[in-house]
């Protein structure tokens, strides 16, 4: 028995169609969460008008799930692959605990970063801070 094979193009078209369907359902859930008067159209039709607050939370969670499903489907079909050679991240600024600022008499905040004015001047005369 010979099973048909599908091209990547068909797979990507199907993924886009599925993602669009998930997007429509996510948009519907978002509208319900934002107090759209569509209570009869969802959750068994037992709610006239807008949903009560606890069901709006359920709609918000449903919207997030359907949005995530759309991204998963597109990712599995190769729609969200971004070719790259490197990834750069911003370094975390950590003040040195060597006592330099305290030795100069500079005020520091709770993180140990010198307190400065808009020009970079510290609380100690003649001491300025520069950089990020």
N, C-alpha and C. Protein backbone atom coordinates (compact mmCIF):
# COMPACT_ATOMS: atom_id res chain seq x y z
N UNK A 1 0.85 -1.16 0.00
CA UNK A 1 0.00 0.00 0.00
C UNK A 1 0.90 1.24 0.00
N UNK A 2 0.57 2.17 -0.84
CA UNK A 2 1.35 3.40 -0.98
C UNK A 2 0.59 4.55 -0.32
N UNK A 3 1.27 5.20 0.65
CA UNK A 3 0.65 6.36 1.31
C UNK A 3 1.10 7.63 0.60
N UNK A 4 0.21 8.57 0.42
CA UNK A 4 0.60 9.80 -0.25
C UNK A 4 1.58 10.60 0.60
N UNK A 5 2.47 11.29 -0.06
CA UNK A 5 3.39 12.19 0.64
C UNK A 5 2.95 13.62 0.36
N UNK A 6 3.17 14.46 1.31
CA UNK A 6 2.76 15.84 1.18
C UNK A 6 3.99 16.73 1.15
N UNK A 7 3.94 17.71 0.31
CA UNK A 7 5.07 18.64 0.23
C UNK A 7 5.07 19.55 1.44
N UNK A 8 6.21 20.17 1.71
CA UNK A 8 6.32 21.12 2.82
C UNK A 8 5.38 22.29 2.60
N UNK A 9 5.14 22.65 1.33
CA UNK A 9 4.26 23.77 1.03
C UNK A 9 2.84 23.49 1.52
N UNK A 10 2.35 22.27 1.29
CA UNK A 10 1.02 21.91 1.76
C UNK A 10 0.99 21.92 3.28
N UNK A 11 2.03 21.42 3.91
CA UNK A 11 2.10 21.41 5.36
C UNK A 11 2.07 22.83 5.91
N UNK A 12 2.80 23.74 5.27
CA UNK A 12 2.82 25.12 5.74
C UNK A 12 1.49 25.81 5.50
N UNK A 13 0.85 25.52 4.38
CA UNK A 13 -0.48 26.10 4.15
C UNK A 13 -1.47 25.60 5.18
N UNK A 14 -1.41 24.31 5.49
CA UNK A 14 -2.31 23.75 6.50
C UNK A 14 -2.06 24.37 7.86
N UNK A 15 -0.78 24.58 8.18
CA UNK A 15 -0.44 25.19 9.46
C UNK A 15 -0.98 26.61 9.53
N UNK A 16 -0.85 27.36 8.44
CA UNK A 16 -1.37 28.73 8.42
C UNK A 16 -2.88 28.73 8.59
N UNK A 17 -3.56 27.80 7.95
CA UNK A 17 -5.01 27.71 8.07
C UNK A 17 -5.41 27.35 9.50
N UNK A 18 -4.70 26.38 10.09
CA UNK A 18 -5.00 26.00 11.47
C UNK A 18 -4.73 27.16 12.42
N UNK A 19 -3.63 27.86 12.20
CA UNK A 19 -3.30 29.00 13.05
C UNK A 19 -4.35 30.10 12.92
N UNK A 20 -4.86 30.30 11.71
CA UNK A 20 -5.91 31.30 11.51
C UNK A 20 -7.16 30.90 12.28
N UNK A 21 -7.49 29.61 12.27
CA UNK A 21 -8.65 29.12 13.03
C UNK A 21 -8.46 29.33 14.52
N UNK A 22 -7.27 29.00 15.02
CA UNK A 22 -6.98 29.25 16.43
C UNK A 22 -7.07 30.74 16.74
N UNK A 23 -6.63 31.58 15.80
CA UNK A 23 -6.68 33.02 15.99
C UNK A 23 -8.11 33.53 16.09
N UNK A 24 -9.00 32.99 15.27
CA UNK A 24 -10.41 33.40 15.32
C UNK A 24 -11.02 33.03 16.67
N UNK A 25 -10.75 31.81 17.13
CA UNK A 25 -11.28 31.38 18.43
C UNK A 25 -10.67 32.22 19.56
N UNK A 26 -9.37 32.52 19.46
CA UNK A 26 -8.72 33.36 20.47
C UNK A 26 -9.35 34.75 20.49
N UNK A 27 -9.63 35.31 19.33
CA UNK A 27 -10.25 36.64 19.26
C UNK A 27 -11.66 36.60 19.87
N UNK A 28 -12.40 35.54 19.62
CA UNK A 28 -13.73 35.37 20.21
C UNK A 28 -13.62 35.33 21.74
N UNK A 29 -12.66 34.56 22.26
CA UNK A 29 -12.48 34.47 23.70
C UNK A 29 -12.06 35.81 24.30
N UNK A 30 -11.23 36.55 23.57
CA UNK A 30 -10.82 37.87 24.04
C UNK A 30 -12.02 38.80 24.13
N UNK A 31 -12.87 38.77 23.12
CA UNK A 31 -14.08 39.61 23.15
C UNK A 31 -14.99 39.24 24.33
N UNK A 32 -15.10 37.93 24.61
CA UNK A 32 -15.90 37.51 25.76
C UNK A 32 -15.29 38.03 27.06
N UNK A 33 -13.97 37.96 27.16
CA UNK A 33 -13.29 38.43 28.37
C UNK A 33 -13.44 39.94 28.53
N UNK A 34 -13.55 40.66 27.41
CA UNK A 34 -13.70 42.11 27.45
C UNK A 34 -15.16 42.54 27.48
N UNK A 35 -16.02 41.68 27.96
CA UNK A 35 -17.43 41.96 28.24
C UNK A 35 -18.29 42.11 26.98
N UNK A 36 -17.99 41.36 25.93
CA UNK A 36 -18.90 41.35 24.78
C UNK A 36 -20.17 40.59 25.18
N UNK A 37 -21.33 41.03 24.72
CA UNK A 37 -22.61 40.41 25.13
C UNK A 37 -22.92 39.13 24.34
N UNK A 38 -22.01 38.17 24.35
CA UNK A 38 -22.18 36.94 23.56
C UNK A 38 -22.29 35.71 24.44
N UNK A 39 -22.82 35.87 25.64
CA UNK A 39 -22.92 34.76 26.59
C UNK A 39 -23.69 33.57 26.05
N UNK A 40 -24.70 33.81 25.23
CA UNK A 40 -25.50 32.71 24.67
C UNK A 40 -24.71 31.87 23.67
N UNK A 41 -23.64 32.42 23.11
CA UNK A 41 -22.88 31.73 22.07
C UNK A 41 -21.76 30.86 22.63
N UNK A 42 -21.63 30.77 23.95
CA UNK A 42 -20.51 30.02 24.51
C UNK A 42 -20.90 29.34 25.82
N UNK A 43 -20.09 28.39 26.22
CA UNK A 43 -20.23 27.70 27.50
C UNK A 43 -21.64 27.17 27.73
N UNK A 44 -22.20 26.56 26.72
CA UNK A 44 -23.51 25.94 26.83
C UNK A 44 -24.68 26.88 26.65
N UNK A 45 -24.44 28.16 26.45
CA UNK A 45 -25.50 29.12 26.22
C UNK A 45 -26.31 29.47 27.43
N UNK A 46 -25.77 29.23 28.62
CA UNK A 46 -26.52 29.48 29.85
C UNK A 46 -26.41 30.91 30.37
N UNK A 47 -25.65 31.74 29.70
CA UNK A 47 -25.44 33.11 30.19
C UNK A 47 -26.00 34.11 29.19
N UNK A 48 -26.97 34.88 29.63
CA UNK A 48 -27.49 35.95 28.78
C UNK A 48 -26.54 37.14 28.88
N UNK A 49 -26.30 37.79 27.77
CA UNK A 49 -25.46 38.99 27.78
C UNK A 49 -24.00 38.66 28.04
N UNK A 50 -23.41 39.43 28.94
CA UNK A 50 -21.99 39.25 29.23
C UNK A 50 -21.78 38.11 30.23
N UNK A 51 -20.57 37.58 30.22
CA UNK A 51 -20.24 36.50 31.14
C UNK A 51 -19.95 37.07 32.52
N UNK A 52 -20.21 36.28 33.58
CA UNK A 52 -19.83 36.73 34.92
C UNK A 52 -18.30 36.78 35.03
N UNK A 53 -17.78 37.51 36.01
CA UNK A 53 -16.32 37.71 36.11
C UNK A 53 -15.50 36.42 36.11
N UNK A 54 -15.96 35.39 36.82
CA UNK A 54 -15.17 34.16 36.87
C UNK A 54 -15.09 33.46 35.51
N UNK A 55 -16.13 33.58 34.69
CA UNK A 55 -16.09 32.99 33.36
C UNK A 55 -15.30 33.87 32.38
N UNK A 56 -15.22 35.16 32.67
CA UNK A 56 -14.35 36.02 31.85
C UNK A 56 -12.89 35.66 32.06
N UNK A 57 -12.55 35.25 33.28
CA UNK A 57 -11.19 34.77 33.55
C UNK A 57 -10.93 33.50 32.74
N UNK A 58 -11.92 32.61 32.71
CA UNK A 58 -11.79 31.38 31.91
C UNK A 58 -11.59 31.73 30.44
N UNK A 59 -12.33 32.71 29.95
CA UNK A 59 -12.16 33.14 28.56
C UNK A 59 -10.77 33.72 28.31
N UNK A 60 -10.24 34.45 29.26
CA UNK A 60 -8.89 35.00 29.12
C UNK A 60 -7.85 33.89 29.02
N UNK A 61 -8.00 32.88 29.87
CA UNK A 61 -7.08 31.74 29.83
C UNK A 61 -7.23 31.00 28.50
N UNK A 62 -8.47 30.81 28.05
CA UNK A 62 -8.71 30.15 26.77
C UNK A 62 -8.08 30.92 25.62
N UNK A 63 -8.18 32.24 25.66
CA UNK A 63 -7.56 33.06 24.62
C UNK A 63 -6.06 32.84 24.59
N UNK A 64 -5.43 32.78 25.76
CA UNK A 64 -3.98 32.55 25.82
C UNK A 64 -3.62 31.17 25.29
N UNK A 65 -4.42 30.17 25.61
CA UNK A 65 -4.16 28.81 25.15
C UNK A 65 -4.28 28.73 23.63
N UNK A 66 -5.33 29.30 23.06
CA UNK A 66 -5.51 29.25 21.61
C UNK A 66 -4.44 30.06 20.87
N UNK A 67 -4.02 31.18 21.45
CA UNK A 67 -2.93 31.96 20.84
C UNK A 67 -1.64 31.15 20.87
N UNK A 68 -1.36 30.51 21.99
CA UNK A 68 -0.18 29.66 22.09
C UNK A 68 -0.23 28.51 21.11
N UNK A 69 -1.40 27.91 20.94
CA UNK A 69 -1.55 26.81 19.99
C UNK A 69 -1.25 27.27 18.57
N UNK A 70 -1.67 28.47 18.22
CA UNK A 70 -1.39 29.00 16.89
C UNK A 70 0.11 29.13 16.67
N UNK A 71 0.84 29.63 17.67
CA UNK A 71 2.28 29.76 17.54
C UNK A 71 2.97 28.41 17.47
N UNK A 72 2.48 27.44 18.23
CA UNK A 72 3.07 26.10 18.19
C UNK A 72 2.90 25.48 16.81
N UNK A 73 1.69 25.59 16.25
CA UNK A 73 1.43 25.03 14.93
C UNK A 73 2.33 25.69 13.89
N UNK A 74 2.45 27.01 13.93
CA UNK A 74 3.31 27.70 12.98
C UNK A 74 4.77 27.34 13.19
N UNK A 75 5.18 27.20 14.42
CA UNK A 75 6.56 26.83 14.71
C UNK A 75 6.89 25.44 14.20
N UNK A 76 5.97 24.51 14.38
CA UNK A 76 6.20 23.13 13.91
C UNK A 76 6.27 23.06 12.40
N UNK A 77 5.62 23.99 11.72
CA UNK A 77 5.64 23.99 10.26
C UNK A 77 6.80 24.83 9.71
N UNK A 78 7.66 25.35 10.59
CA UNK A 78 8.81 26.11 10.14
C UNK A 78 8.51 27.55 9.80
N UNK A 79 7.38 28.07 10.25
CA UNK A 79 7.01 29.44 9.93
C UNK A 79 7.68 30.47 10.84
N UNK A 80 8.20 30.04 11.97
CA UNK A 80 8.78 30.98 12.91
C UNK A 80 10.27 30.75 13.10
N UNK A 81 10.91 30.18 12.14
CA UNK A 81 12.36 29.97 12.21
C UNK A 81 13.05 31.20 11.65
N UNK A 82 13.89 31.80 12.44
CA UNK A 82 14.62 32.99 12.01
C UNK A 82 16.10 32.61 11.96
N UNK A 83 16.67 32.56 10.76
CA UNK A 83 18.08 32.19 10.68
C UNK A 83 18.96 33.27 11.33
N UNK A 84 19.94 32.84 12.10
CA UNK A 84 20.83 33.78 12.75
C UNK A 84 22.18 33.12 13.01
N UNK A 85 23.19 33.94 13.09
CA UNK A 85 24.54 33.45 13.34
C UNK A 85 24.93 33.64 14.79
N UNK A 86 24.28 34.58 15.48
CA UNK A 86 24.64 34.84 16.88
C UNK A 86 23.45 35.48 17.58
N UNK A 87 23.45 35.37 18.89
CA UNK A 87 22.44 36.00 19.72
C UNK A 87 23.17 36.84 20.76
N UNK A 88 22.76 38.07 20.92
CA UNK A 88 23.40 38.97 21.87
C UNK A 88 22.43 39.32 22.98
N UNK A 89 22.94 39.38 24.18
CA UNK A 89 22.12 39.81 25.32
C UNK A 89 22.83 40.95 26.02
N UNK A 90 22.07 41.77 26.68
CA UNK A 90 22.63 42.89 27.41
C UNK A 90 23.21 42.39 28.72
N UNK A 91 24.41 42.83 29.07
CA UNK A 91 24.99 42.38 30.35
C UNK A 91 24.24 42.97 31.53
N UNK A 92 24.27 42.28 32.62
CA UNK A 92 23.65 42.76 33.85
C UNK A 92 24.66 43.63 34.58
N UNK A 93 24.23 44.81 34.96
CA UNK A 93 25.11 45.72 35.69
C UNK A 93 25.11 45.35 37.17
N UNK A 94 26.29 45.05 37.69
CA UNK A 94 26.44 44.69 39.09
C UNK A 94 27.49 45.61 39.70
N UNK A 95 27.11 46.37 40.72
CA UNK A 95 28.11 47.26 41.33
C UNK A 95 29.19 46.44 42.05
N UNK A 96 30.42 46.95 42.01
CA UNK A 96 31.53 46.28 42.69
C UNK A 96 31.40 46.47 44.19
N UNK A 97 31.62 45.42 44.92
CA UNK A 97 31.53 45.47 46.38
C UNK A 97 32.92 45.65 46.99
N UNK A 98 33.78 46.41 46.32
CA UNK A 98 35.16 46.57 46.80
C UNK A 98 35.32 47.72 47.78
N UNK A 99 34.24 48.43 48.09
CA UNK A 99 34.29 49.50 49.06
C UNK A 99 34.73 50.85 48.51
N UNK A 100 34.94 50.96 47.21
CA UNK A 100 35.39 52.22 46.61
C UNK A 100 34.38 53.34 46.86
N UNK A 101 33.09 53.07 46.58
CA UNK A 101 32.08 54.11 46.75
C UNK A 101 31.95 54.53 48.21
N UNK A 102 31.93 53.54 49.11
CA UNK A 102 31.83 53.85 50.53
C UNK A 102 33.07 54.61 51.00
N UNK A 103 34.22 54.23 50.49
CA UNK A 103 35.45 54.92 50.86
C UNK A 103 35.47 56.37 50.42
N UNK A 104 34.81 56.66 49.33
CA UNK A 104 34.72 58.04 48.84
C UNK A 104 33.60 58.82 49.51
N UNK A 105 32.72 58.12 50.23
CA UNK A 105 31.61 58.77 50.91
C UNK A 105 30.37 58.96 50.04
N UNK A 106 30.26 58.20 48.94
CA UNK A 106 29.11 58.33 48.03
C UNK A 106 27.90 57.61 48.59
N UNK A 107 26.72 58.25 48.45
CA UNK A 107 25.47 57.57 48.81
C UNK A 107 25.17 56.53 47.74
N UNK A 108 24.68 55.36 48.18
CA UNK A 108 24.29 54.30 47.25
C UNK A 108 22.87 53.88 47.57
N UNK A 109 22.17 53.32 46.56
CA UNK A 109 20.81 52.83 46.80
C UNK A 109 20.87 51.40 47.34
N UNK A 110 19.70 50.77 47.50
CA UNK A 110 19.64 49.42 48.08
C UNK A 110 20.35 48.37 47.23
N UNK A 111 20.55 48.64 45.94
CA UNK A 111 21.25 47.69 45.07
C UNK A 111 22.76 47.94 45.06
N UNK A 112 23.21 49.00 45.74
CA UNK A 112 24.63 49.31 45.77
C UNK A 112 25.09 50.21 44.65
N UNK A 113 24.14 50.77 43.90
CA UNK A 113 24.45 51.66 42.78
C UNK A 113 24.53 53.09 43.32
N UNK A 114 25.52 53.87 42.87
CA UNK A 114 25.62 55.23 43.40
C UNK A 114 24.41 56.08 43.03
N UNK A 115 23.97 56.88 43.96
CA UNK A 115 22.86 57.80 43.72
C UNK A 115 23.45 59.04 43.04
N UNK A 116 22.89 59.38 41.87
CA UNK A 116 23.40 60.51 41.09
C UNK A 116 22.26 61.42 40.68
N UNK A 117 22.62 62.65 40.30
CA UNK A 117 21.62 63.56 39.74
C UNK A 117 21.58 63.38 38.22
N UNK A 118 20.87 64.26 37.53
CA UNK A 118 20.70 64.13 36.07
C UNK A 118 22.01 64.27 35.31
N UNK A 119 23.01 64.88 35.93
CA UNK A 119 24.30 65.07 35.25
C UNK A 119 25.32 64.00 35.63
N UNK A 120 24.97 63.08 36.55
CA UNK A 120 25.89 62.03 36.97
C UNK A 120 26.67 62.36 38.22
N UNK A 121 26.40 63.51 38.85
CA UNK A 121 27.11 63.91 40.06
C UNK A 121 26.64 63.08 41.25
N UNK A 122 27.56 62.56 42.04
CA UNK A 122 27.22 61.80 43.24
C UNK A 122 27.09 62.75 44.42
N UNK A 123 26.85 62.17 45.60
CA UNK A 123 26.70 62.99 46.81
C UNK A 123 28.05 63.48 47.34
N UNK A 124 29.14 63.00 46.78
CA UNK A 124 30.48 63.42 47.20
C UNK A 124 31.01 64.45 46.20
N UNK A 125 31.45 65.57 46.70
CA UNK A 125 31.95 66.64 45.83
C UNK A 125 33.12 66.14 44.97
N UNK A 126 33.05 66.43 43.69
CA UNK A 126 34.12 66.05 42.76
C UNK A 126 34.05 64.62 42.27
N UNK A 127 33.05 63.84 42.69
CA UNK A 127 32.92 62.45 42.23
C UNK A 127 31.68 62.33 41.34
N UNK A 128 31.92 61.87 40.12
CA UNK A 128 30.85 61.71 39.12
C UNK A 128 30.78 60.26 38.70
N UNK A 129 29.59 59.80 38.35
CA UNK A 129 29.42 58.43 37.85
C UNK A 129 29.09 58.51 36.37
N UNK A 130 29.65 57.61 35.61
CA UNK A 130 29.39 57.59 34.16
C UNK A 130 29.04 56.17 33.74
N UNK A 131 28.31 56.05 32.67
CA UNK A 131 27.94 54.72 32.15
C UNK A 131 26.55 54.32 32.57
N UNK A 132 26.23 53.08 32.31
CA UNK A 132 24.90 52.59 32.66
C UNK A 132 24.95 51.76 33.91
